[in-house]
Protein backbone atom coordinates (compact mmCIF):
# COMPACT_ATOMS: atom_id res chain seq x y z
CA MET A 1 203.20 -102.13 9.55
CA LYS A 2 202.04 -100.03 6.66
CA ASN A 3 199.17 -97.64 7.32
CA LYS A 4 196.22 -98.24 4.95
CA THR A 5 194.50 -94.92 5.58
CA SER A 6 196.37 -93.06 2.83
CA ILE A 7 194.89 -92.67 -0.63
CA SER A 8 196.65 -93.03 -3.95
CA ARG A 9 197.83 -90.05 -5.94
CA ARG A 10 195.29 -90.85 -8.67
CA VAL A 11 192.36 -90.81 -6.23
CA PHE A 12 193.65 -87.61 -4.65
CA LEU A 13 193.88 -85.83 -8.01
CA ALA A 14 190.43 -87.05 -9.04
CA ARG A 15 188.89 -85.73 -5.83
CA LEU A 16 190.79 -82.46 -6.13
CA THR A 17 189.52 -81.99 -9.69
CA ALA A 18 185.94 -82.70 -8.64
CA LEU A 19 186.23 -80.25 -5.75
CA GLY A 20 187.70 -77.57 -8.01
CA SER A 21 184.95 -77.87 -10.60
CA LEU A 22 182.32 -77.76 -7.86
CA ALA A 23 183.91 -74.62 -6.45
CA LEU A 24 183.86 -72.98 -9.88
CA ALA A 25 180.24 -73.89 -10.61
CA CYS A 26 178.71 -73.06 -7.25
CA PRO A 27 179.54 -69.33 -6.92
CA SER A 28 178.17 -68.57 -10.39
CA SER A 29 174.77 -70.01 -9.62
CA LEU A 30 174.66 -68.44 -6.16
CA LEU A 31 175.66 -65.04 -7.53
CA ALA A 32 172.98 -65.22 -10.23
CA GLU A 33 170.42 -66.06 -7.57
CA LEU A 34 171.64 -63.18 -5.39
CA ARG A 35 171.38 -60.70 -8.26
CA ALA A 36 167.89 -61.90 -9.14
CA SER A 37 166.71 -61.51 -5.54
CA ASN A 38 168.22 -58.00 -5.25
CA VAL A 39 166.16 -56.72 -8.19
CA ASN A 40 162.94 -56.66 -6.18
CA LYS A 41 164.38 -55.37 -2.89
CA GLN A 42 163.41 -51.93 -1.69
CA GLN A 43 166.20 -49.67 -0.49
CA PRO A 44 165.68 -47.37 2.52
CA ASP A 45 164.67 -43.79 1.69
CA TRP A 46 167.94 -42.29 2.91
CA THR A 47 169.85 -44.13 0.13
CA ARG A 48 168.11 -41.95 -2.47
CA GLN A 49 169.30 -38.66 -0.97
CA HIS A 50 172.21 -36.50 -2.11
CA PRO A 51 175.36 -37.68 -0.32
CA TRP A 52 174.37 -41.33 -0.36
CA LEU A 53 173.80 -41.40 -4.12
CA THR A 54 177.34 -40.13 -4.60
CA LEU A 55 178.72 -42.69 -2.18
CA ALA A 56 176.84 -45.49 -3.96
CA ALA A 57 178.28 -44.38 -7.32
CA VAL A 58 181.81 -44.33 -5.89
CA GLN A 59 181.32 -47.79 -4.40
CA GLU A 60 180.21 -49.13 -7.79
CA ILE A 61 183.46 -47.82 -9.29
CA LEU A 62 185.65 -49.16 -6.48
CA PHE A 63 183.89 -52.53 -6.26
CA PRO A 64 182.61 -53.37 -9.76
CA ALA A 65 180.63 -56.52 -10.42
CA GLY A 66 182.11 -59.24 -12.60
CA ASP A 67 180.74 -62.45 -14.02
CA ASP A 68 181.54 -64.44 -10.88
CA ILE A 69 182.28 -61.55 -8.54
CA PRO A 70 179.63 -59.65 -6.58
CA GLY A 71 179.84 -55.89 -6.82
CA ALA A 72 178.87 -53.14 -4.41
CA GLY A 73 175.25 -53.20 -5.57
CA ASP A 74 175.03 -56.98 -5.19
CA ILE A 75 176.07 -56.93 -1.55
CA ASN A 76 174.17 -53.70 -0.75
CA ALA A 77 177.41 -52.00 0.29
CA ILE A 78 175.63 -48.67 0.82
CA ASN A 79 173.91 -50.15 3.89
CA TYR A 80 177.24 -50.88 5.53
């Protein structure tokens, strides 16, 4: 007997396309929301002292922010 649980190639490609476009749209909106929420956050006092300012600047160079990519400042890398 033939198993009827498989889907056609057309249905598979349609679902794959929908999933791909959802994956492309979702991170952009979440990243914009993350950046907006980080604007008002207060950093601990130790992050404004000499060696930590240098480390934060180096992290920004090593992990730059892109349109859809969070950078060091977006993920508060200095706290880690």
